[in-house]
Protein backbone atom coordinates (compact mmCIF):
# COMPACT_ATOMS: atom_id res chain seq x y z
CA UNK A 1 83.18 128.34 129.95
CA UNK A 2 81.10 130.06 126.45
CA UNK A 3 79.85 128.02 123.79
CA UNK A 4 77.38 129.06 120.82
CA UNK A 5 73.47 128.78 121.18
CA UNK A 6 72.72 126.12 118.23
CA UNK A 7 70.99 122.59 118.34
CA UNK A 8 71.52 121.15 115.08
CA UNK A 9 74.53 118.13 114.79
CA UNK A 10 76.41 118.70 111.82
CA UNK A 11 79.00 116.52 110.76
CA UNK A 12 82.58 117.13 109.35
CA UNK A 13 83.85 114.27 107.25
CA UNK A 14 87.37 114.16 105.20
CA UNK A 15 87.20 112.46 102.12
CA UNK A 16 90.56 111.84 99.87
CA UNK A 17 91.21 111.58 96.17
CA UNK A 18 94.28 109.40 95.27
CA UNK A 19 95.63 109.31 91.98
CA UNK A 20 98.36 107.07 91.57
CA UNK A 21 100.55 106.13 87.96
CA UNK A 22 101.46 102.71 86.72
CA UNK A 23 103.19 103.54 84.27
CA UNK A 24 100.54 103.19 81.17
CA UNK A 25 97.40 104.68 83.16
CA UNK A 26 95.91 107.20 85.72
CA UNK A 27 94.66 105.30 88.81
CA UNK A 28 92.08 105.70 91.52
CA UNK A 29 92.30 104.30 94.91
CA UNK A 30 88.92 103.03 95.95
CA UNK A 31 87.36 100.99 98.22
CA UNK A 32 84.39 98.34 98.33
CA UNK A 33 82.20 99.22 100.60
CA UNK A 34 81.31 96.06 103.65
CA UNK A 35 79.15 98.17 105.44
CA UNK A 36 75.79 100.25 104.86
CA UNK A 37 74.83 102.34 103.50
CA UNK A 38 75.46 101.35 99.92
CA UNK A 39 77.61 98.54 100.96
CA UNK A 40 79.09 96.44 98.30
CA UNK A 41 79.51 99.66 96.10
CA UNK A 42 82.75 101.19 95.65
CA UNK A 43 83.46 104.49 97.24
CA UNK A 44 86.49 107.26 98.24
CA UNK A 45 88.45 106.31 101.39
CA UNK A 46 87.37 108.74 104.18
CA UNK A 47 86.93 109.49 107.84
CA UNK A 48 85.31 111.93 110.33
CA UNK A 49 86.84 114.71 111.74
CA UNK A 50 88.07 114.63 115.54
CA UNK A 51 87.57 117.18 117.63
CA UNK A 52 90.59 117.87 118.34
CA UNK A 53 92.59 117.36 114.82
CA UNK A 54 92.93 119.75 112.22
CA UNK A 55 91.67 119.18 109.08
CA UNK A 56 95.39 118.52 107.07
CA UNK A 57 95.66 116.17 110.23
CA UNK A 58 93.10 114.48 109.66
CA UNK A 59 93.77 113.82 105.72
CA UNK A 60 96.93 112.73 106.12
CA UNK A 61 95.57 110.12 108.45
CA UNK A 62 93.00 108.89 106.67
CA UNK A 63 95.93 108.48 103.87
CA UNK A 64 98.10 106.95 106.37
CA UNK A 65 95.50 104.41 107.22
CA UNK A 66 94.86 103.51 103.55
CA UNK A 67 98.12 103.30 101.75
CA UNK A 68 101.32 103.26 104.73
CA UNK A 69 102.39 106.65 103.25
CA UNK A 70 102.95 110.19 104.67
CA UNK A 71 104.84 113.13 103.46
CA UNK A 72 102.89 112.89 99.91
CA UNK A 73 101.71 115.46 97.97
CA UNK A 74 98.04 116.54 99.49
CA UNK A 75 96.00 119.60 98.19
CA UNK A 76 92.70 120.33 99.74
CA UNK A 77 90.20 120.30 97.08
CA UNK A 78 86.97 122.16 97.97
CA UNK A 79 84.07 121.55 100.41
CA UNK A 80 80.69 119.43 99.55
CA UNK A 81 77.68 120.31 101.69
CA UNK A 82 74.80 119.66 99.70
CA UNK A 83 72.05 118.79 102.56
CA UNK A 84 70.72 115.53 101.37
CA UNK A 85 74.65 114.01 100.21
CA UNK A 86 74.48 111.64 102.72
CA UNK A 87 71.41 109.62 103.24
CA UNK A 88 72.06 108.88 107.16
CA UNK A 89 73.03 112.32 108.50
CA UNK A 90 73.90 115.59 107.50
CA UNK A 91 77.37 115.24 106.91
CA UNK A 92 80.05 118.41 105.11
CA UNK A 93 82.75 116.67 103.26
CA UNK A 94 86.27 118.30 103.22
CA UNK A 95 87.77 117.10 100.06
CA UNK A 96 91.37 116.37 99.48
CA UNK A 97 93.52 115.03 96.87
CA UNK A 98 96.86 113.26 97.27
CA UNK A 99 99.75 112.08 94.33
CA UNK A 100 101.56 108.92 95.54
CA UNK A 101 104.17 106.74 94.11
CA UNK A 102 101.92 103.07 93.39
CA UNK A 103 105.16 101.17 94.15
CA UNK A 104 105.69 102.76 97.50
CA UNK A 105 101.82 102.02 99.05
CA UNK A 106 101.52 98.79 101.43
CA UNK A 107 99.69 96.50 99.64
CA UNK A 108 98.76 94.66 103.48
CA UNK A 109 96.88 97.78 104.37
CA UNK A 110 95.26 97.77 100.96
CA UNK A 111 93.94 94.71 101.45
CA UNK A 112 92.77 95.16 104.61
CA UNK A 113 90.81 98.33 103.17
CA UNK A 114 89.07 95.81 100.28
CA UNK A 115 90.68 99.00 98.30
CA UNK A 116 92.11 98.83 94.61
CA UNK A 117 93.72 100.95 91.92
CA UNK A 118 91.47 101.26 89.29
CA UNK A 119 92.19 103.20 86.01
CA UNK A 120 90.39 106.55 85.78
CA UNK A 121 89.17 105.39 82.50
CA UNK A 122 87.14 102.24 84.35
CA UNK A 123 86.05 104.20 86.99
CA UNK A 124 83.09 102.31 88.28
CA UNK A 125 79.99 104.75 89.73
CA UNK A 126 80.99 106.05 92.98
CA UNK A 127 78.47 106.24 96.20
CA UNK A 128 76.99 110.27 97.09
CA UNK A 129 78.47 112.96 95.50
CA UNK A 130 82.17 111.06 95.47
CA UNK A 131 81.76 111.11 91.11
CA UNK A 132 81.63 114.90 91.33
CA UNK A 133 84.58 114.95 93.92
CA UNK A 134 86.69 113.17 91.52
CA UNK A 135 85.90 115.42 88.61
CA UNK A 136 86.35 118.28 90.31
CA UNK A 137 89.85 116.52 91.73
CA UNK A 138 90.80 116.00 88.10
CA UNK A 139 90.37 119.36 86.86
CA UNK A 140 92.49 120.88 89.60
CA UNK A 141 95.20 118.19 89.26
CA UNK A 142 95.39 119.08 85.33
CA UNK A 143 95.36 122.67 86.14
CA UNK A 144 98.03 122.79 88.90
CA UNK A 145 100.04 119.94 86.56
CA UNK A 146 100.78 122.99 84.23
CA UNK A 147 101.42 125.46 86.76
CA UNK A 148 103.91 123.47 88.73
CA UNK A 149 106.16 119.77 88.41
CA UNK A 150 103.78 118.32 90.33
CA UNK A 151 103.63 115.19 88.11
CA UNK A 152 106.90 113.68 89.49
CA UNK A 153 105.36 112.88 92.55
CA UNK A 154 103.53 109.82 90.48
CA UNK A 155 106.71 108.55 89.44
CA UNK A 156 109.24 106.22 91.02
CA UNK A 157 112.82 108.16 92.38
CA UNK A 158 114.48 106.85 88.84
CA UNK A 159 112.58 107.99 85.55
CA UNK A 160 112.73 107.86 82.12
CA UNK A 161 111.76 110.72 79.55
CA UNK A 162 109.06 108.43 77.70
CA UNK A 163 107.58 107.04 81.02
CA UNK A 164 106.98 111.04 82.13
CA UNK A 165 105.66 111.12 78.80
CA UNK A 166 102.91 109.29 79.38
CA UNK A 167 102.63 110.33 82.55
CA UNK A 168 101.30 113.24 81.19
CA UNK A 169 99.31 111.93 78.92
CA UNK A 170 97.52 110.41 81.25
CA UNK A 171 96.91 113.33 83.04
CA UNK A 172 95.59 115.08 80.05
CA UNK A 173 94.49 112.00 78.12
CA UNK A 174 95.71 113.74 74.72
CA UNK A 175 98.94 112.08 72.56
CA UNK A 176 101.94 114.34 72.82
CA UNK A 177 104.52 114.13 70.33
CA UNK A 178 107.77 112.94 71.27
CA UNK A 179 110.31 115.49 70.16
CA UNK A 180 109.00 118.40 71.40
CA UNK A 181 108.23 116.78 74.59
CA UNK A 182 111.72 115.56 75.04
CA UNK A 183 112.99 118.83 74.29
CA UNK A 184 110.31 120.98 76.71
CA UNK A 185 111.09 118.76 79.30
CA UNK A 186 114.85 118.55 78.97
CA UNK A 187 114.76 122.80 78.35
CA UNK A 188 113.47 122.84 82.25
CA UNK A 189 116.74 121.68 83.33
CA UNK A 190 114.85 119.71 86.15
CA UNK A 191 116.17 116.03 85.16
CA UNK A 192 119.77 115.04 86.33
CA UNK A 193 121.13 112.13 83.82
CA UNK A 194 121.62 109.61 86.16
CA UNK A 195 124.25 107.76 83.22
CA UNK A 196 121.43 104.40 83.98
CA UNK A 197 119.38 102.43 81.44
CA UNK A 198 116.24 101.53 81.89
CA UNK A 199 116.54 97.97 81.86
CA UNK A 200 113.28 97.07 81.99
CA UNK A 201 112.76 98.84 78.67
CA UNK A 202 112.24 96.77 75.50
CA UNK A 203 115.21 98.29 73.92
CA UNK A 204 116.87 99.01 77.23
CA UNK A 205 117.94 102.06 75.57
CA UNK A 206 116.45 104.42 77.42
CA UNK A 207 118.45 107.11 79.77
CA UNK A 208 117.42 107.20 83.64
CA UNK A 209 116.97 110.12 85.14
CA UNK A 210 116.53 111.64 88.75
CA UNK A 211 114.17 115.06 89.84
CA UNK A 212 116.70 117.94 90.82
CA UNK A 213 115.41 118.69 94.22
CA UNK A 214 116.54 122.19 94.52
CA UNK A 215 115.45 123.45 90.78
CA UNK A 216 112.00 121.67 91.66
CA UNK A 217 111.71 123.49 94.76
CA UNK A 218 112.35 127.02 92.96
CA UNK A 219 109.97 126.03 90.60
CA UNK A 220 107.04 125.23 93.33
CA UNK A 221 107.93 128.51 94.89
CA UNK A 222 108.06 130.64 91.38
CA UNK A 223 105.70 132.57 88.76
CA UNK A 224 107.22 130.24 86.03
CA UNK A 225 104.67 127.90 84.54
CA UNK A 226 105.96 124.42 83.94
CA UNK A 227 103.90 123.28 81.00
CA UNK A 228 102.37 126.45 79.78
CA UNK A 229 99.98 125.11 76.92
CA UNK A 230 98.13 123.46 79.53
CA UNK A 231 97.10 125.99 81.70
CA UNK A 232 93.42 126.04 80.26
CA UNK A 233 93.39 122.74 79.95
CA UNK A 234 89.73 121.68 80.94
CA UNK A 235 87.46 118.56 81.15
């Protein structure tokens, strides 16, 4: 069997930036490290690529290990390969970001990994180059959320238009006009009225909707921008 002549050992890691939404703020799932290096500091969840494993399979494994979830939105972001990025050994990190419904994840699994949901606005300093990874992931999330309705991945199965507005306000860190947002969202014809009211709201008058999955798939594969006014939005 032939092999390449190369003496250097280079590890390939997978780091996952996991976004969630609690109804008020955009959150990150972070772990408090209990091992060296940087024990006691905050970190993204990651792991090393196995020899017989594809990249996306590895990212899916890391996501499941931390949240107990499968089949969530998962997208490769970019590769970070600065020579000195890991003080232990030369490591290249392939970064993915994922969108999950906070209510669906397994709290027992989170506790086992010393993980916590932390609001993006309160994010602590992270180890290595993880802060740069989060910045890049947020830029990509904002860009993709303007083109495709991927934000729905962060919501429960049934939701109100005000809840959806709060989500996009959290993603873009801006205040949106209620009437304009409602008009634009309902105009996409992506929402199906359930005939139910949100019993958790103060007024108990907000209509609950669910996503039209067929139209959702057409938006994902089509060329029509979902919220074109945000297409050029940046950090």
